[in-house]
Amino acid sequence: MPLLDIKNISIQFGGLSAVDNFSMSIGENDIYGLIGPNGAGKTTVFNMLTGVYSPDSGTIMFDGKSIAGMKPYDITRMRIARTFQNIRLMKNLSVLDNVKISFVSQTDYGLATSIFRLPAYFRQEKDTEKKSMALLKVFNLDGKKDEKAANLPYGEQRRLEIARALATNPKLLLLDEPAAGMNPQETQELTELIRWIREKFHIAILLIEHDMRLVMGVCEKIIVLDYGKIIAEGTPKEIQSNPKVIEAYLGEEAPHA
């Protein structure tokens, strides 16, 4: 059974089809890419997977359970995490607090324990800080734990956002244009980081990305969207030479061999 199994999901906005009969399956340790021109429907797919939108039709099964139409916080508890194209850190909080907040979904003390600061609260808080620091160390951010997130360089803010997503203990990590705004050196480091995350945390990764070097360098399988429809699916090598993909990106019919 695949970890994520999407069948024929569709959604319309104002009578216009944003995603039309989209299907895909991802295994427990896969790295997939979702690419396509601007406005192709990629982020809309992510928003349906994370509960921002509910599909008009079709099914989304995750870990054997239907998640279509669930609230975002319930989907997080189901162990799906995401990052955003526009970084959404709590920029006035410290680097450490940004990660600690993401562990909230895993706390098991009740409201009374929190209000009255019972011993279980302090034990949980100590454990959360320990886990947060361990995660920051993995991303080489432990030395900046007390800095405001807003003061980090762009590349480090990206790493912090990924660390925060991983703090929710996901089985599936959705990365929305993680290389946006990065220079070639940072993109190469990100490529290696994504591979390492899959191996270290034993999770599946689905990413949206416009940087083809990253996509071709890290993804095992790629799905191409255009005007909300899948126009191609295959390995990086297959996608690179697909005439429909070339046409979608260049806006003209690909030359015949």
C-alpha atoms as a PDB file:
ATOM      1  CA  MET A   1       0.000   0.000   0.000  1.00  0.00           C
ATOM      2  CA  PRO A   2       1.439   3.437  -0.930  1.00  0.00           C
ATOM      3  CA  LEU A   3       1.900   6.027   1.806  1.00  0.00           C
ATOM      4  CA  LEU A   4       0.028   8.636  -0.232  1.00  0.00           C
ATOM      5  CA  ASP A   5      -2.565   7.572  -2.808  1.00  0.00           C
ATOM      6  CA  ILE A   6      -4.393  10.336  -4.705  1.00  0.00           C
ATOM      7  CA  LYS A   7      -7.076   9.424  -7.207  1.00  0.00           C
ATOM      8  CA  ASN A   8      -8.759  11.832  -9.614  1.00  0.00           C
ATOM      9  CA  ILE A   9      -8.897  14.929  -7.416  1.00  0.00           C
ATOM     10  CA  SER A  10     -10.328  18.046  -9.030  1.00  0.00           C
ATOM     11  CA  ILE A  11     -11.119  21.557  -7.853  1.00  0.00           C
ATOM     12  CA  GLN A  12     -12.605  24.625  -9.490  1.00  0.00           C
ATOM     13  CA  PHE A  13     -12.489  28.306  -8.567  1.00  0.00           C
ATOM     14  CA  GLY A  14     -15.137  30.557 -10.052  1.00  0.00           C
ATOM     15  CA  GLY A  15     -16.048  27.941 -12.638  1.00  0.00           C
ATOM     16  CA  LEU A  16     -12.444  27.577 -13.808  1.00  0.00           C
ATOM     17  CA  SER A  17     -10.678  24.262 -13.325  1.00  0.00           C
ATOM     18  CA  ALA A  18      -7.494  24.672 -11.246  1.00  0.00           C
ATOM     19  CA  VAL A  19      -6.734  20.937 -10.956  1.00  0.00           C
ATOM     20  CA  ASP A  20      -8.413  18.323 -13.123  1.00  0.00           C
ATOM     21  CA  ASN A  21      -8.379  14.575 -12.324  1.00  0.00           C
ATOM     22  CA  PHE A  22      -4.976  14.574 -10.654  1.00  0.00           C
ATOM     23  CA  SER A  23      -3.699  11.167  -9.475  1.00  0.00           C
ATOM     24  CA  MET A  24      -0.419  10.019  -7.962  1.00  0.00           C
ATOM     25  CA  SER A  25       0.996   7.497  -5.481  1.00  0.00           C
ATOM     26  CA  ILE A  26       4.063   7.909  -3.265  1.00  0.00           C
ATOM     27  CA  GLY A  27       5.780   5.157  -1.304  1.00  0.00           C
ATOM     28  CA  GLU A  28       7.160   5.463   2.211  1.00  0.00           C
ATOM     29  CA  ASN A  29      10.683   6.534   1.240  1.00  0.00           C
ATOM     30  CA  ASP A  30      10.197   8.127  -2.186  1.00  0.00           C
ATOM     31  CA  ILE A  31      11.318  11.535  -3.413  1.00  0.00           C
ATOM     32  CA  TYR A  32       8.898  12.893  -6.008  1.00  0.00           C
ATOM     33  CA  GLY A  33       8.854  16.173  -7.886  1.00  0.00           C
ATOM     34  CA  LEU A  34       5.814  18.136  -9.046  1.00  0.00           C
ATOM     35  CA  ILE A  35       6.710  20.632 -11.756  1.00  0.00           C
ATOM     36  CA  GLY A  36       5.028  22.812 -14.351  1.00  0.00           C
ATOM     37  CA  PRO A  37       4.761  26.407 -15.570  1.00  0.00           C
ATOM     38  CA  ASN A  38       3.422  29.158 -13.303  1.00  0.00           C
ATOM     39  CA  GLY A  39      -0.293  28.707 -12.694  1.00  0.00           C
ATOM     40  CA  ALA A  40      -0.222  25.003 -13.566  1.00  0.00           C
ATOM     41  CA  GLY A  41      -1.935  24.024 -10.282  1.00  0.00           C
ATOM     42  CA  LYS A  42       1.027  22.728  -8.287  1.00  0.00           C
ATOM     43  CA  THR A  43       0.456  24.710  -5.084  1.00  0.00           C
ATOM     44  CA  THR A  44      -3.285  24.008  -5.341  1.00  0.00           C
ATOM     45  CA  VAL A  45      -2.430  20.288  -5.136  1.00  0.00           C
ATOM     46  CA  PHE A  46      -0.355  20.982  -2.000  1.00  0.00           C
ATOM     47  CA  ASN A  47      -3.224  22.980  -0.515  1.00  0.00           C
ATOM     48  CA  MET A  48      -5.615  20.070  -1.031  1.00  0.00           C
ATOM     49  CA  LEU A  49      -3.140  17.680   0.570  1.00  0.00           C
ATOM     50  CA  THR A  50      -2.793  19.889   3.647  1.00  0.00           C
ATOM     51  CA  GLY A  51      -6.440  20.821   4.165  1.00  0.00           C
ATOM     52  CA  VAL A  52      -6.309  24.420   2.951  1.00  0.00           C
ATOM     53  CA  TYR A  53      -8.736  23.402   0.193  1.00  0.00           C
ATOM     54  CA  SER A  54     -11.111  20.479  -0.009  1.00  0.00           C
ATOM     55  CA  PRO A  55     -11.249  18.803  -3.443  1.00  0.00           C
ATOM     56  CA  ASP A  56     -14.547  18.971  -5.317  1.00  0.00           C
ATOM     57  CA  SER A  57     -14.145  15.319  -6.268  1.00  0.00           C
ATOM     58  CA  GLY A  58     -11.683  12.441  -5.952  1.00  0.00           C
ATOM     59  CA  THR A  59      -9.977  10.769  -2.997  1.00  0.00           C
ATOM     60  CA  ILE A  60      -6.829  11.387  -0.965  1.00  0.00           C
ATOM     61  CA  MET A  61      -5.664   8.432   1.124  1.00  0.00           C
ATOM     62  CA  PHE A  62      -2.727   8.835   3.487  1.00  0.00           C
ATOM     63  CA  ASP A  63      -1.362   5.929   5.497  1.00  0.00           C
ATOM     64  CA  GLY A  64      -4.555   4.021   4.706  1.00  0.00           C
ATOM     65  CA  LYS A  65      -6.968   6.773   5.829  1.00  0.00           C
ATOM     66  CA  SER A  66      -8.967   9.360   3.902  1.00  0.00           C
ATOM     67  CA  ILE A  67      -7.760  12.919   4.572  1.00  0.00           C
ATOM     68  CA  ALA A  68      -9.731  14.824   1.888  1.00  0.00           C
ATOM     69  CA  GLY A  69     -11.531  17.726   3.562  1.00  0.00           C
ATOM     70  CA  MET A  70      -9.780  17.351   6.935  1.00  0.00           C
ATOM     71  CA  LYS A  71      -8.613  20.466   8.802  1.00  0.00           C
ATOM     72  CA  PRO A  72      -4.935  21.447   8.448  1.00  0.00           C
ATOM     73  CA  TYR A  73      -4.143  20.801  12.129  1.00  0.00           C
ATOM     74  CA  ASP A  74      -5.658  17.314  11.921  1.00  0.00           C
ATOM     75  CA  ILE A  75      -3.594  16.564   8.814  1.00  0.00           C
ATOM     76  CA  THR A  76      -0.463  17.694  10.696  1.00  0.00           C
ATOM     77  CA  ARG A  77      -1.346  15.183  13.411  1.00  0.00           C
ATOM     78  CA  MET A  78      -1.673  12.570  10.658  1.00  0.00           C
ATOM     79  CA  ARG A  79       2.048  13.310  10.054  1.00  0.00           C
ATOM     80  CA  ILE A  80       2.094  15.435   6.920  1.00  0.00           C
ATOM     81  CA  ALA A  81       4.243  18.588   7.111  1.00  0.00           C
ATOM     82  CA  ARG A  82       4.953  21.342   4.608  1.00  0.00           C
ATOM     83  CA  THR A  83       7.071  24.384   3.927  1.00  0.00           C
ATOM     84  CA  PHE A  84       5.998  27.389   1.855  1.00  0.00           C
ATOM     85  CA  GLN A  85       7.353  29.229  -1.156  1.00  0.00           C
ATOM     86  CA  ASN A  86       7.277  32.418   0.925  1.00  0.00           C
ATOM     87  CA  ILE A  87       9.000  31.513   4.180  1.00  0.00           C
ATOM     88  CA  ARG A  88       6.530  31.563   7.078  1.00  0.00           C
ATOM     89  CA  LEU A  89       8.656  31.647  10.188  1.00  0.00           C
ATOM     90  CA  MET A  90       7.613  33.403  13.386  1.00  0.00           C
ATOM     91  CA  LYS A  91      10.240  36.007  12.697  1.00  0.00           C
ATOM     92  CA  ASN A  92      10.123  37.853  16.025  1.00  0.00           C
ATOM     93  CA  LEU A  93      10.643  34.646  17.983  1.00  0.00           C
ATOM     94  CA  SER A  94      13.995  33.004  18.552  1.00  0.00           C
ATOM     95  CA  VAL A  95      15.308  30.215  16.358  1.00  0.00           C
ATOM     96  CA  LEU A  96      14.798  27.781  19.247  1.00  0.00           C
ATOM     97  CA  ASP A  97      11.222  28.892  19.947  1.00  0.00           C
ATOM     98  CA  ASN A  98      10.302  28.470  16.276  1.00  0.00           C
ATOM     99  CA  VAL A  99      11.165  24.787  16.543  1.00  0.00           C
ATOM    100  CA  LYS A 100       9.723  24.270  20.030  1.00  0.00           C
ATOM    101  CA  ILE A 101       6.310  25.509  18.897  1.00  0.00           C
ATOM    102  CA  SER A 102       6.189  22.782  16.262  1.00  0.00           C
ATOM    103  CA  PHE A 103       6.477  20.112  18.949  1.00  0.00           C
ATOM    104  CA  VAL A 104       3.122  21.234  20.415  1.00  0.00           C
ATOM    105  CA  SER A 105       1.243  18.671  18.316  1.00  0.00           C
ATOM    106  CA  GLN A 106       3.137  15.944  20.187  1.00  0.00           C
ATOM    107  CA  THR A 107       2.583  17.144  23.761  1.00  0.00           C
ATOM    108  CA  ASP A 108       0.359  14.954  25.879  1.00  0.00           C
ATOM    109  CA  TYR A 109      -0.312  17.016  29.008  1.00  0.00           C
ATOM    110  CA  GLY A 110      -3.741  18.567  29.553  1.00  0.00           C
ATOM    111  CA  LEU A 111      -4.868  22.155  29.941  1.00  0.00           C
ATOM    112  CA  ALA A 112      -4.897  21.990  33.740  1.00  0.00           C
ATOM    113  CA  THR A 113      -1.327  20.680  33.785  1.00  0.00           C
ATOM    114  CA  SER A 114      -0.255  23.654  31.668  1.00  0.00           C
ATOM    115  CA  ILE A 115      -2.202  26.290  33.630  1.00  0.00           C
ATOM    116  CA  PHE A 116      -1.064  25.123  37.074  1.00  0.00           C
ATOM    117  CA  ARG A 117       2.475  24.261  35.950  1.00  0.00           C
ATOM    118  CA  LEU A 118       2.317  20.742  37.323  1.00  0.00           C
ATOM    119  CA  PRO A 119       5.476  18.546  37.253  1.00  0.00           C
ATOM    120  CA  ALA A 120       4.392  16.865  33.998  1.00  0.00           C
ATOM    121  CA  TYR A 121       4.449  20.292  32.310  1.00  0.00           C
ATOM    122  CA  PHE A 122       8.067  20.962  33.243  1.00  0.00           C
ATOM    123  CA  ARG A 123       9.132  17.447  32.237  1.00  0.00           C
ATOM    124  CA  GLN A 124       7.503  17.905  28.837  1.00  0.00           C
ATOM    125  CA  GLU A 125       9.023  21.364  28.380  1.00  0.00           C
ATOM    126  CA  LYS A 126      12.500  20.072  29.190  1.00  0.00           C
ATOM    127  CA  ASP A 127      12.075  17.196  26.758  1.00  0.00           C
ATOM    128  CA  THR A 128      10.805  19.556  24.037  1.00  0.00           C
ATOM    129  CA  GLU A 129      13.814  21.839  24.423  1.00  0.00           C
ATOM    130  CA  LYS A 130      16.194  18.889  24.277  1.00  0.00           C
ATOM    131  CA  LYS A 131      14.579  17.589  21.075  1.00  0.00           C
ATOM    132  CA  SER A 132      14.534  21.078  19.555  1.00  0.00           C
ATOM    133  CA  MET A 133      18.220  21.611  20.222  1.00  0.00           C
ATOM    134  CA  ALA A 134      19.053  18.216  18.730  1.00  0.00           C
ATOM    135  CA  LEU A 135      17.153  19.168  15.568  1.00  0.00           C
ATOM    136  CA  LEU A 136      18.861  22.561  15.370  1.00  0.00           C
ATOM    137  CA  LYS A 137      22.245  20.869  15.703  1.00  0.00           C
ATOM    138  CA  VAL A 138      21.411  18.608  12.757  1.00  0.00           C
ATOM    139  CA  PHE A 139      20.836  21.740  10.657  1.00  0.00           C
ATOM    140  CA  ASN A 140      23.874  23.599  12.053  1.00  0.00           C
ATOM    141  CA  LEU A 141      21.632  26.190  13.687  1.00  0.00           C
ATOM    142  CA  ASP A 142      22.203  25.339  17.347  1.00  0.00           C
ATOM    143  CA  GLY A 143      24.750  28.136  17.691  1.00  0.00           C
ATOM    144  CA  LYS A 144      22.053  30.652  16.728  1.00  0.00           C
ATOM    145  CA  LYS A 145      19.299  29.333  18.982  1.00  0.00           C
ATOM    146  CA  ASP A 146      18.767  32.692  20.719  1.00  0.00           C
ATOM    147  CA  GLU A 147      18.787  34.844  17.578  1.00  0.00           C
ATOM    148  CA  LYS A 148      15.551  36.156  16.128  1.00  0.00           C
ATOM    149  CA  ALA A 149      14.504  34.122  13.110  1.00  0.00           C
ATOM    150  CA  ALA A 150      14.215  37.367  11.110  1.00  0.00           C
ATOM    151  CA  ASN A 151      17.933  38.026  11.549  1.00  0.00           C
ATOM    152  CA  LEU A 152      19.079  34.779   9.916  1.00  0.00           C
ATOM    153  CA  PRO A 153      20.478  34.853   6.359  1.00  0.00           C
ATOM    154  CA  TYR A 154      18.002  33.642   3.748  1.00  0.00           C
ATOM    155  CA  GLY A 155      19.519  30.167   3.355  1.00  0.00           C
ATOM    156  CA  GLU A 156      19.451  29.606   7.115  1.00  0.00           C
ATOM    157  CA  GLN A 157      15.820  30.717   7.295  1.00  0.00           C
ATOM    158  CA  ARG A 158      15.037  28.016   4.715  1.00  0.00           C
ATOM    159  CA  ARG A 159      16.848  25.417   6.819  1.00  0.00           C
ATOM    160  CA  LEU A 160      15.001  26.568   9.941  1.00  0.00           C
ATOM    161  CA  GLU A 161      11.655  26.240   8.166  1.00  0.00           C
ATOM    162  CA  ILE A 162      12.506  22.673   7.148  1.00  0.00           C
ATOM    163  CA  ALA A 163      13.690  21.898  10.704  1.00  0.00           C
ATOM    164  CA  ARG A 164      10.413  23.257  12.064  1.00  0.00           C
ATOM    165  CA  ALA A 165       8.446  21.056   9.670  1.00  0.00           C
ATOM    166  CA  LEU A 166      10.452  18.007  10.734  1.00  0.00           C
ATOM    167  CA  ALA A 167       9.695  18.776  14.386  1.00  0.00           C
ATOM    168  CA  THR A 168       6.121  17.616  13.727  1.00  0.00           C
ATOM    169  CA  ASN A 169       7.535  14.115  13.087  1.00  0.00           C
ATOM    170  CA  PRO A 170       6.129  13.729   9.559  1.00  0.00           C
ATOM    171  CA  LYS A 171       5.938  10.654   7.395  1.00  0.00           C
ATOM    172  CA  LEU A 172       5.537  12.923   4.348  1.00  0.00           C
ATOM    173  CA  LEU A 173       7.305  16.259   3.881  1.00  0.00           C
ATOM    174  CA  LEU A 174       5.960  18.683   1.261  1.00  0.00           C
ATOM    175  CA  LEU A 175       8.493  21.288   0.085  1.00  0.00           C
ATOM    176  CA  ASP A 176       7.053  24.231  -1.869  1.00  0.00           C
ATOM    177  CA  GLU A 177       9.858  25.755  -3.962  1.00  0.00           C
ATOM    178  CA  PRO A 178      12.598  25.262  -1.348  1.00  0.00           C
ATOM    179  CA  ALA A 179      15.282  26.658  -3.699  1.00  0.00           C
ATOM    180  CA  ALA A 180      13.440  29.941  -4.383  1.00  0.00           C
ATOM    181  CA  GLY A 181      15.862  32.836  -3.968  1.00  0.00           C
ATOM    182  CA  MET A 182      18.911  30.611  -3.544  1.00  0.00           C
ATOM    183  CA  ASN A 183      22.181  30.958  -5.437  1.00  0.00           C
ATOM    184  CA  PRO A 184      23.694  27.917  -7.234  1.00  0.00           C
ATOM    185  CA  GLN A 185      25.898  26.980  -4.252  1.00  0.00           C
ATOM    186  CA  GLU A 186      22.947  27.096  -1.838  1.00  0.00           C
ATOM    187  CA  THR A 187      20.847  25.062  -4.284  1.00  0.00           C
ATOM    188  CA  GLN A 188      23.520  22.361  -4.452  1.00  0.00           C
ATOM    189  CA  GLU A 189      23.675  22.249  -0.658  1.00  0.00           C
ATOM    190  CA  LEU A 190      19.881  21.975  -0.560  1.00  0.00           C
ATOM    191  CA  THR A 191      19.980  19.051  -3.013  1.00  0.00           C
ATOM    192  CA  GLU A 192      22.321  17.182  -0.680  1.00  0.00           C
ATOM    193  CA  LEU A 193      20.220  18.177   2.344  1.00  0.00           C
ATOM    194  CA  ILE A 194      17.017  16.757   0.845  1.00  0.00           C
ATOM    195  CA  ARG A 195      18.706  13.415   0.162  1.00  0.00           C
ATOM    196  CA  TRP A 196      20.112  13.393   3.678  1.00  0.00           C
ATOM    197  CA  ILE A 197      16.713  14.199   5.238  1.00  0.00           C
ATOM    198  CA  ARG A 198      15.125  11.231   3.473  1.00  0.00           C
ATOM    199  CA  GLU A 199      17.798   8.874   4.765  1.00  0.00           C
ATOM    200  CA  LYS A 200      18.089  10.367   8.265  1.00  0.00           C
ATOM    201  CA  PHE A 201      14.362  10.648   9.027  1.00  0.00           C
ATOM    202  CA  HIS A 202      13.116   7.790   6.785  1.00  0.00           C
ATOM    203  CA  ILE A 203      10.358   9.877   5.246  1.00  0.00           C
ATOM    204  CA  ALA A 204       8.825  10.493   1.837  1.00  0.00           C
ATOM    205  CA  ILE A 205       9.334  13.885   0.176  1.00  0.00           C
ATOM    206  CA  LEU A 206       7.217  15.634  -2.447  1.00  0.00           C
ATOM    207  CA  LEU A 207       8.569  18.905  -3.775  1.00  0.00           C
ATOM    208  CA  ILE A 208       7.431  21.684  -6.073  1.00  0.00           C
ATOM    209  CA  GLU A 209      10.344  23.389  -7.733  1.00  0.00           C
ATOM    210  CA  HIS A 210      11.261  25.523 -10.741  1.00  0.00           C
ATOM    211  CA  ASP A 211      15.009  24.915 -10.451  1.00  0.00           C
ATOM    212  CA  MET A 212      15.502  21.980 -12.800  1.00  0.00           C
ATOM    213  CA  ARG A 213      18.992  21.245 -11.489  1.00  0.00           C
ATOM    214  CA  LEU A 214      17.500  20.494  -8.101  1.00  0.00           C
ATOM    215  CA  VAL A 215      14.561  18.537  -9.487  1.00  0.00           C
ATOM    216  CA  MET A 216      16.649  16.394 -11.827  1.00  0.00           C
ATOM    217  CA  GLY A 217      19.351  15.932  -9.224  1.00  0.00           C
ATOM    218  CA  VAL A 218      17.216  14.676  -6.346  1.00  0.00           C
ATOM    219  CA  CYS A 219      13.844  13.351  -7.585  1.00  0.00           C
ATOM    220  CA  GLU A 220      13.332   9.708  -8.466  1.00  0.00           C
ATOM    221  CA  LYS A 221      10.078  10.385 -10.265  1.00  0.00           C
ATOM    222  CA  ILE A 222       8.529  13.579 -11.617  1.00  0.00           C
ATOM    223  CA  ILE A 223       4.967  14.581 -12.464  1.00  0.00           C
ATOM    224  CA  VAL A 224       4.387  17.519 -14.813  1.00  0.00           C
ATOM    225  CA  LEU A 225       1.253  19.663 -14.597  1.00  0.00           C
ATOM    226  CA  ASP A 226      -0.013  22.122 -17.189  1.00  0.00           C
ATOM    227  CA  TYR A 227      -3.337  23.961 -16.828  1.00  0.00           C
ATOM    228  CA  GLY A 228      -4.253  21.648 -13.953  1.00  0.00           C
ATOM    229  CA  LYS A 229      -3.766  18.422 -15.906  1.00  0.00           C
ATOM    230  CA  ILE A 230      -0.974  15.862 -15.773  1.00  0.00           C
ATOM    231  CA  ILE A 231       0.842  15.938 -19.112  1.00  0.00           C
ATOM    232  CA  ALA A 232       3.780  13.667 -18.232  1.00  0.00           C
ATOM    233  CA  GLU A 233       5.066  11.356 -15.512  1.00  0.00           C
ATOM    234  CA  GLY A 234       8.339   9.484 -15.319  1.00  0.00           C
ATOM    235  CA  THR A 235      12.001   9.468 -14.331  1.00  0.00           C
ATOM    236  CA  PRO A 236      14.095  12.639 -14.697  1.00  0.00           C
ATOM    237  CA  LYS A 237      15.611  11.279 -17.919  1.00  0.00           C
ATOM    238  CA  GLU A 238      12.176  10.541 -19.369  1.00  0.00           C
ATOM    239  CA  ILE A 239      10.843  13.968 -18.427  1.00  0.00           C
ATOM    240  CA  GLN A 240      13.805  15.856 -19.892  1.00  0.00           C
ATOM    241  CA  SER A 241      13.140  14.469 -23.360  1.00  0.00           C
ATOM    242  CA  ASN A 242       9.321  14.513 -23.297  1.00  0.00           C
ATOM    243  CA  PRO A 243       7.961  16.675 -26.158  1.00  0.00           C
ATOM    244  CA  LYS A 244       4.842  17.709 -24.190  1.00  0.00           C
ATOM    245  CA  VAL A 245       7.008  18.957 -21.320  1.00  0.00           C
ATOM    246  CA  ILE A 246       9.261  20.926 -23.658  1.00  0.00           C
ATOM    247  CA  GLU A 247       6.224  22.461 -25.320  1.00  0.00           C
ATOM    248  CA  ALA A 248       4.650  23.443 -21.974  1.00  0.00           C
ATOM    249  CA  TYR A 249       7.822  25.211 -20.813  1.00  0.00           C
ATOM    250  CA  LEU A 250       8.862  26.787 -24.104  1.00  0.00           C
ATOM    251  CA  GLY A 251       5.349  27.647 -25.270  1.00  0.00           C
ATOM    252  CA  GLU A 252       5.910  26.084 -28.657  1.00  0.00           C
ATOM    253  CA  GLU A 253       5.832  22.645 -30.194  1.00  0.00           C
ATOM    254  CA  ALA A 254       9.013  20.711 -29.568  1.00  0.00           C
ATOM    255  CA  PRO A 255      11.061  19.938 -32.690  1.00  0.00           C
ATOM    256  CA  HIS A 256      10.711  16.372 -33.929  1.00  0.00           C
ATOM    257  CA  ALA A 257      13.775  14.167 -33.958  1.00  0.00           C
END
